[in-house]
């Protein structure tokens, strides 16, 4: 089952092409819990097979990441902290989370938008304190692109280098897919529990 899903991901990325890579990486860089591993590794694999241009795949992935980061940046800048706290809870962004992000941003300065892109759990959300602090957008885009570039290149390289070993690329994608499925299941369960609690409160 997982093997079939992994193969489906490769086929889907191939069918969607570069626009698909851009859109999925855009989502991955916002609040949507979509692992970049199951986007860029298949892209690298397809590049190995000659079905994609490796340079275009990398550039598209980077632009998608930066676009998603800018979405979060402008969201925070225009709507502010209260808006993020009010609606961020639906995406697991609590006050404690935002506080920690701001501490990280203040500690490392503007450079945090670079190194933060390389840290799981922070990479998607480091744009928020940058937007709240109204960081220079040109610097933000540059540092975000630099950090995203390193991450994208690593993932594409994994897919490309493992391309000659079908069993390894399948194993990697199966593991990444399994993690993604568990994440989606957990999030779905979270929303179901929230809806039930809300209905219970309304009844009382």
C-alpha atoms as a PDB file:
ATOM      1  CA  UNK A   1       0.000   0.000   0.000  1.00  0.00           C
ATOM      2  CA  UNK A   2       2.697   2.492   1.013  1.00  0.00           C
ATOM      3  CA  UNK A   3       4.780   1.443  -2.006  1.00  0.00           C
ATOM      4  CA  UNK A   4       1.826   2.200  -4.288  1.00  0.00           C
ATOM      5  CA  UNK A   5       1.342   5.611  -2.677  1.00  0.00           C
ATOM      6  CA  UNK A   6       5.057   6.389  -3.091  1.00  0.00           C
ATOM      7  CA  UNK A   7       4.858   5.471  -6.780  1.00  0.00           C
ATOM      8  CA  UNK A   8       1.723   7.565  -7.075  1.00  0.00           C
ATOM      9  CA  UNK A   9       3.636  10.555  -5.688  1.00  0.00           C
ATOM     10  CA  UNK A  10       6.363  10.154  -8.301  1.00  0.00           C
ATOM     11  CA  UNK A  11       3.767   9.862 -11.072  1.00  0.00           C
ATOM     12  CA  UNK A  12       1.812  12.840  -9.719  1.00  0.00           C
ATOM     13  CA  UNK A  13       4.849  15.117  -9.499  1.00  0.00           C
ATOM     14  CA  UNK A  14       5.771  14.088 -13.029  1.00  0.00           C
ATOM     15  CA  UNK A  15       2.266  14.794 -14.313  1.00  0.00           C
ATOM     16  CA  UNK A  16       1.929  18.154 -12.535  1.00  0.00           C
ATOM     17  CA  UNK A  17       5.341  19.274 -13.721  1.00  0.00           C
ATOM     18  CA  UNK A  18       7.094  22.429 -12.579  1.00  0.00           C
ATOM     19  CA  UNK A  19       3.862  24.262 -11.763  1.00  0.00           C
ATOM     20  CA  UNK A  20       2.953  21.413  -9.416  1.00  0.00           C
ATOM     21  CA  UNK A  21       6.331  21.679  -7.699  1.00  0.00           C
ATOM     22  CA  UNK A  22       5.831  25.428  -7.251  1.00  0.00           C
ATOM     23  CA  UNK A  23       2.327  25.099  -5.802  1.00  0.00           C
ATOM     24  CA  UNK A  24       3.198  22.230  -3.461  1.00  0.00           C
ATOM     25  CA  UNK A  25       6.339  23.951  -2.188  1.00  0.00           C
ATOM     26  CA  UNK A  26       4.280  27.110  -1.712  1.00  0.00           C
ATOM     27  CA  UNK A  27       1.873  25.157   0.504  1.00  0.00           C
ATOM     28  CA  UNK A  28       4.760  23.492   2.337  1.00  0.00           C
ATOM     29  CA  UNK A  29       6.154  26.910   3.265  1.00  0.00           C
ATOM     30  CA  UNK A  30       2.875  28.224   4.672  1.00  0.00           C
ATOM     31  CA  UNK A  31       0.795  26.574   7.409  1.00  0.00           C
ATOM     32  CA  UNK A  32      -0.138  23.460   5.479  1.00  0.00           C
ATOM     33  CA  UNK A  33       1.671  20.395   6.890  1.00  0.00           C
ATOM     34  CA  UNK A  34       2.988  19.076   3.572  1.00  0.00           C
ATOM     35  CA  UNK A  35       6.506  17.568   3.775  1.00  0.00           C
ATOM     36  CA  UNK A  36       8.894  18.916   1.150  1.00  0.00           C
ATOM     37  CA  UNK A  37      10.599  15.503   1.070  1.00  0.00           C
ATOM     38  CA  UNK A  38       7.714  13.973  -0.864  1.00  0.00           C
ATOM     39  CA  UNK A  39       7.887  16.809  -3.408  1.00  0.00           C
ATOM     40  CA  UNK A  40      11.541  17.441  -4.142  1.00  0.00           C
ATOM     41  CA  UNK A  41      12.948  13.910  -3.752  1.00  0.00           C
ATOM     42  CA  UNK A  42      10.630  12.586  -6.491  1.00  0.00           C
ATOM     43  CA  UNK A  43      11.590  15.629  -8.590  1.00  0.00           C
ATOM     44  CA  UNK A  44      15.255  14.657  -8.237  1.00  0.00           C
ATOM     45  CA  UNK A  45      14.404  11.085  -9.160  1.00  0.00           C
ATOM     46  CA  UNK A  46      12.537  12.268 -12.253  1.00  0.00           C
ATOM     47  CA  UNK A  47      15.533  14.446 -13.159  1.00  0.00           C
ATOM     48  CA  UNK A  48      17.747  11.353 -12.979  1.00  0.00           C
ATOM     49  CA  UNK A  49      15.370   9.575 -15.352  1.00  0.00           C
ATOM     50  CA  UNK A  50      15.544  12.520 -17.739  1.00  0.00           C
ATOM     51  CA  UNK A  51      11.884  13.400 -17.292  1.00  0.00           C
ATOM     52  CA  UNK A  52      12.666  16.737 -15.613  1.00  0.00           C
ATOM     53  CA  UNK A  53      15.394  19.327 -15.856  1.00  0.00           C
ATOM     54  CA  UNK A  54      17.263  19.259 -12.545  1.00  0.00           C
ATOM     55  CA  UNK A  55      18.050  22.984 -12.621  1.00  0.00           C
ATOM     56  CA  UNK A  56      14.452  23.983 -13.354  1.00  0.00           C
ATOM     57  CA  UNK A  57      13.223  21.636 -10.610  1.00  0.00           C
ATOM     58  CA  UNK A  58      15.554  23.267  -8.074  1.00  0.00           C
ATOM     59  CA  UNK A  59      14.725  26.828  -9.149  1.00  0.00           C
ATOM     60  CA  UNK A  60      10.986  26.117  -9.133  1.00  0.00           C
ATOM     61  CA  UNK A  61      11.207  24.545  -5.680  1.00  0.00           C
ATOM     62  CA  UNK A  62      13.085  27.555  -4.330  1.00  0.00           C
ATOM     63  CA  UNK A  63      10.638  30.053  -5.827  1.00  0.00           C
ATOM     64  CA  UNK A  64       7.709  28.084  -4.404  1.00  0.00           C
ATOM     65  CA  UNK A  65       9.299  28.086  -0.949  1.00  0.00           C
ATOM     66  CA  UNK A  66      10.017  31.812  -1.040  1.00  0.00           C
ATOM     67  CA  UNK A  67       6.488  32.582  -2.278  1.00  0.00           C
ATOM     68  CA  UNK A  68       5.010  30.604   0.623  1.00  0.00           C
ATOM     69  CA  UNK A  69       7.337  32.340   3.068  1.00  0.00           C
ATOM     70  CA  UNK A  70       6.278  35.740   1.699  1.00  0.00           C
ATOM     71  CA  UNK A  71       2.633  34.752   2.165  1.00  0.00           C
ATOM     72  CA  UNK A  72       3.265  34.167   5.875  1.00  0.00           C
ATOM     73  CA  UNK A  73       5.406  37.307   6.083  1.00  0.00           C
ATOM     74  CA  UNK A  74       2.722  39.624   4.661  1.00  0.00           C
ATOM     75  CA  UNK A  75      -0.005  37.878   6.629  1.00  0.00           C
ATOM     76  CA  UNK A  76       1.828  38.641   9.874  1.00  0.00           C
ATOM     77  CA  UNK A  77       2.813  42.155   8.813  1.00  0.00           C
ATOM     78  CA  UNK A  78      -0.654  43.270   7.724  1.00  0.00           C
ATOM     79  CA  UNK A  79      -2.888  41.468  10.234  1.00  0.00           C
ATOM     80  CA  UNK A  80      -0.650  41.372  13.290  1.00  0.00           C
ATOM     81  CA  UNK A  81      -0.063  39.169  16.289  1.00  0.00           C
ATOM     82  CA  UNK A  82      -3.668  38.975  17.530  1.00  0.00           C
ATOM     83  CA  UNK A  83      -4.863  37.683  14.161  1.00  0.00           C
ATOM     84  CA  UNK A  84      -2.191  34.962  14.150  1.00  0.00           C
ATOM     85  CA  UNK A  85      -3.052  33.890  17.684  1.00  0.00           C
ATOM     86  CA  UNK A  86      -6.791  33.865  16.920  1.00  0.00           C
ATOM     87  CA  UNK A  87      -6.610  31.718  13.786  1.00  0.00           C
ATOM     88  CA  UNK A  88      -3.207  30.114  14.180  1.00  0.00           C
ATOM     89  CA  UNK A  89      -4.557  27.670  16.765  1.00  0.00           C
ATOM     90  CA  UNK A  90      -6.212  25.797  13.902  1.00  0.00           C
ATOM     91  CA  UNK A  91      -2.712  25.166  12.538  1.00  0.00           C
ATOM     92  CA  UNK A  92      -1.075  24.331  15.889  1.00  0.00           C
ATOM     93  CA  UNK A  93       0.325  27.830  16.367  1.00  0.00           C
ATOM     94  CA  UNK A  94      -0.160  28.625  20.029  1.00  0.00           C
ATOM     95  CA  UNK A  95       0.936  31.700  21.945  1.00  0.00           C
ATOM     96  CA  UNK A  96       3.886  29.709  23.349  1.00  0.00           C
ATOM     97  CA  UNK A  97       4.913  28.736  19.824  1.00  0.00           C
ATOM     98  CA  UNK A  98       4.814  32.306  18.577  1.00  0.00           C
ATOM     99  CA  UNK A  99       6.706  33.506  21.662  1.00  0.00           C
ATOM    100  CA  UNK A 100       9.471  30.958  20.995  1.00  0.00           C
ATOM    101  CA  UNK A 101       9.646  31.982  17.341  1.00  0.00           C
ATOM    102  CA  UNK A 102      10.018  35.630  18.313  1.00  0.00           C
ATOM    103  CA  UNK A 103      12.738  34.768  20.835  1.00  0.00           C
ATOM    104  CA  UNK A 104      14.562  32.810  18.131  1.00  0.00           C
ATOM    105  CA  UNK A 105      14.178  35.709  15.686  1.00  0.00           C
ATOM    106  CA  UNK A 106      15.356  38.307  18.219  1.00  0.00           C
ATOM    107  CA  UNK A 107      18.293  36.145  19.301  1.00  0.00           C
ATOM    108  CA  UNK A 108      19.620  35.442  15.811  1.00  0.00           C
ATOM    109  CA  UNK A 109      18.429  38.613  14.123  1.00  0.00           C
ATOM    110  CA  UNK A 110      17.531  38.799  10.445  1.00  0.00           C
ATOM    111  CA  UNK A 111      19.872  35.890   9.746  1.00  0.00           C
ATOM    112  CA  UNK A 112      17.327  33.653  11.519  1.00  0.00           C
ATOM    113  CA  UNK A 113      15.239  33.722   8.341  1.00  0.00           C
ATOM    114  CA  UNK A 114      18.159  31.881   6.724  1.00  0.00           C
ATOM    115  CA  UNK A 115      19.165  29.319   9.348  1.00  0.00           C
ATOM    116  CA  UNK A 116      15.564  28.916  10.506  1.00  0.00           C
ATOM    117  CA  UNK A 117      14.706  27.531   7.054  1.00  0.00           C
ATOM    118  CA  UNK A 118      17.003  24.594   7.788  1.00  0.00           C
ATOM    119  CA  UNK A 119      15.395  23.627  11.114  1.00  0.00           C
ATOM    120  CA  UNK A 120      12.321  21.320  11.057  1.00  0.00           C
ATOM    121  CA  UNK A 121       9.380  22.803  12.913  1.00  0.00           C
ATOM    122  CA  UNK A 122      10.731  26.332  12.527  1.00  0.00           C
ATOM    123  CA  UNK A 123      11.337  26.590   8.796  1.00  0.00           C
ATOM    124  CA  UNK A 124       7.673  27.091   7.873  1.00  0.00           C
ATOM    125  CA  UNK A 125       6.926  29.591  10.643  1.00  0.00           C
ATOM    126  CA  UNK A 126      10.040  31.764  10.935  1.00  0.00           C
ATOM    127  CA  UNK A 127       8.367  34.116   8.450  1.00  0.00           C
ATOM    128  CA  UNK A 128       5.823  35.150  11.098  1.00  0.00           C
ATOM    129  CA  UNK A 129       8.154  36.980  13.522  1.00  0.00           C
ATOM    130  CA  UNK A 130       9.927  38.491  10.518  1.00  0.00           C
ATOM    131  CA  UNK A 131       6.614  39.900   9.303  1.00  0.00           C
ATOM    132  CA  UNK A 132       5.667  41.130  12.768  1.00  0.00           C
ATOM    133  CA  UNK A 133       9.036  42.885  13.033  1.00  0.00           C
ATOM    134  CA  UNK A 134       8.539  44.352   9.536  1.00  0.00           C
ATOM    135  CA  UNK A 135      11.921  43.067   8.407  1.00  0.00           C
ATOM    136  CA  UNK A 136      13.133  44.506   5.120  1.00  0.00           C
ATOM    137  CA  UNK A 137      11.336  42.425   2.488  1.00  0.00           C
ATOM    138  CA  UNK A 138      14.330  42.298   0.129  1.00  0.00           C
ATOM    139  CA  UNK A 139      16.574  40.924   2.892  1.00  0.00           C
ATOM    140  CA  UNK A 140      13.848  38.545   3.977  1.00  0.00           C
ATOM    141  CA  UNK A 141      13.424  37.179   0.449  1.00  0.00           C
ATOM    142  CA  UNK A 142      17.191  36.825   0.005  1.00  0.00           C
ATOM    143  CA  UNK A 143      17.797  34.973   3.275  1.00  0.00           C
ATOM    144  CA  UNK A 144      14.683  32.817   2.838  1.00  0.00           C
ATOM    145  CA  UNK A 145      15.723  31.924  -0.697  1.00  0.00           C
ATOM    146  CA  UNK A 146      19.228  31.064   0.457  1.00  0.00           C
ATOM    147  CA  UNK A 147      18.007  28.772   3.233  1.00  0.00           C
ATOM    148  CA  UNK A 148      15.301  27.209   1.068  1.00  0.00           C
ATOM    149  CA  UNK A 149      17.848  26.756  -1.712  1.00  0.00           C
ATOM    150  CA  UNK A 150      20.128  24.639   0.437  1.00  0.00           C
ATOM    151  CA  UNK A 151      17.212  22.472   1.598  1.00  0.00           C
ATOM    152  CA  UNK A 152      15.791  22.036  -1.915  1.00  0.00           C
ATOM    153  CA  UNK A 153      19.190  21.186  -3.417  1.00  0.00           C
ATOM    154  CA  UNK A 154      19.810  18.550  -0.741  1.00  0.00           C
ATOM    155  CA  UNK A 155      16.432  16.890  -1.365  1.00  0.00           C
ATOM    156  CA  UNK A 156      16.766  16.970  -5.149  1.00  0.00           C
ATOM    157  CA  UNK A 157      20.303  15.583  -4.853  1.00  0.00           C
ATOM    158  CA  UNK A 158      19.003  12.702  -2.711  1.00  0.00           C
ATOM    159  CA  UNK A 159      16.422  11.824  -5.346  1.00  0.00           C
ATOM    160  CA  UNK A 160      18.973  12.142  -8.148  1.00  0.00           C
ATOM    161  CA  UNK A 161      21.737  10.164  -6.452  1.00  0.00           C
ATOM    162  CA  UNK A 162      19.396   7.398  -5.324  1.00  0.00           C
ATOM    163  CA  UNK A 163      17.802   7.237  -8.765  1.00  0.00           C
ATOM    164  CA  UNK A 164      20.048   4.392  -9.872  1.00  0.00           C
ATOM    165  CA  UNK A 165      18.926   2.325  -6.871  1.00  0.00           C
ATOM    166  CA  UNK A 166      15.203   1.809  -7.175  1.00  0.00           C
ATOM    167  CA  UNK A 167      14.895  -0.028  -3.867  1.00  0.00           C
ATOM    168  CA  UNK A 168      16.528   2.842  -1.940  1.00  0.00           C
ATOM    169  CA  UNK A 169      14.436   5.588  -3.514  1.00  0.00           C
ATOM    170  CA  UNK A 170      11.278   3.551  -2.925  1.00  0.00           C
ATOM    171  CA  UNK A 171      12.229   2.928   0.698  1.00  0.00           C
ATOM    172  CA  UNK A 172      12.941   6.624   1.260  1.00  0.00           C
ATOM    173  CA  UNK A 173       9.655   7.690  -0.314  1.00  0.00           C
ATOM    174  CA  UNK A 174       7.722   5.043   1.569  1.00  0.00           C
ATOM    175  CA  UNK A 175       9.101   6.306   4.894  1.00  0.00           C
ATOM    176  CA  UNK A 176       8.413   9.943   3.977  1.00  0.00           C
ATOM    177  CA  UNK A 177       4.917   9.033   2.815  1.00  0.00           C
ATOM    178  CA  UNK A 178       4.202   7.114   6.013  1.00  0.00           C
ATOM    179  CA  UNK A 179       5.215  10.134   8.097  1.00  0.00           C
ATOM    180  CA  UNK A 180       3.000  12.376   5.975  1.00  0.00           C
ATOM    181  CA  UNK A 181       0.022  10.026   6.351  1.00  0.00           C
ATOM    182  CA  UNK A 182       0.480   9.868  10.124  1.00  0.00           C
ATOM    183  CA  UNK A 183       0.644  13.676  10.254  1.00  0.00           C
ATOM    184  CA  UNK A 184      -2.564  14.047   8.236  1.00  0.00           C
ATOM    185  CA  UNK A 185      -4.318  11.447  10.408  1.00  0.00           C
ATOM    186  CA  UNK A 186      -3.223  13.255  13.571  1.00  0.00           C
ATOM    187  CA  UNK A 187      -4.430  16.617  12.264  1.00  0.00           C
ATOM    188  CA  UNK A 188      -7.764  15.124  11.180  1.00  0.00           C
ATOM    189  CA  UNK A 189      -8.228  13.595  14.636  1.00  0.00           C
ATOM    190  CA  UNK A 190      -7.384  16.950  16.221  1.00  0.00           C
ATOM    191  CA  UNK A 191     -10.118  18.717  14.224  1.00  0.00           C
ATOM    192  CA  UNK A 192     -12.685  16.002  14.965  1.00  0.00           C
ATOM    193  CA  UNK A 193     -12.020  16.345  18.695  1.00  0.00           C
ATOM    194  CA  UNK A 194     -12.270  20.145  18.472  1.00  0.00           C
ATOM    195  CA  UNK A 195     -15.596  19.957  16.605  1.00  0.00           C
ATOM    196  CA  UNK A 196     -17.036  17.501  19.148  1.00  0.00           C
ATOM    197  CA  UNK A 197     -15.930  19.691  22.056  1.00  0.00           C
ATOM    198  CA  UNK A 198     -17.425  22.762  20.434  1.00  0.00           C
ATOM    199  CA  UNK A 199     -20.756  21.009  19.873  1.00  0.00           C
ATOM    200  CA  UNK A 200     -20.748  19.827  23.472  1.00  0.00           C
ATOM    201  CA  UNK A 201     -20.111  23.360  24.744  1.00  0.00           C
ATOM    202  CA  UNK A 202     -22.905  24.747  22.574  1.00  0.00           C
ATOM    203  CA  UNK A 203     -25.340  22.136  23.888  1.00  0.00           C
ATOM    204  CA  UNK A 204     -24.512  23.052  27.478  1.00  0.00           C
END
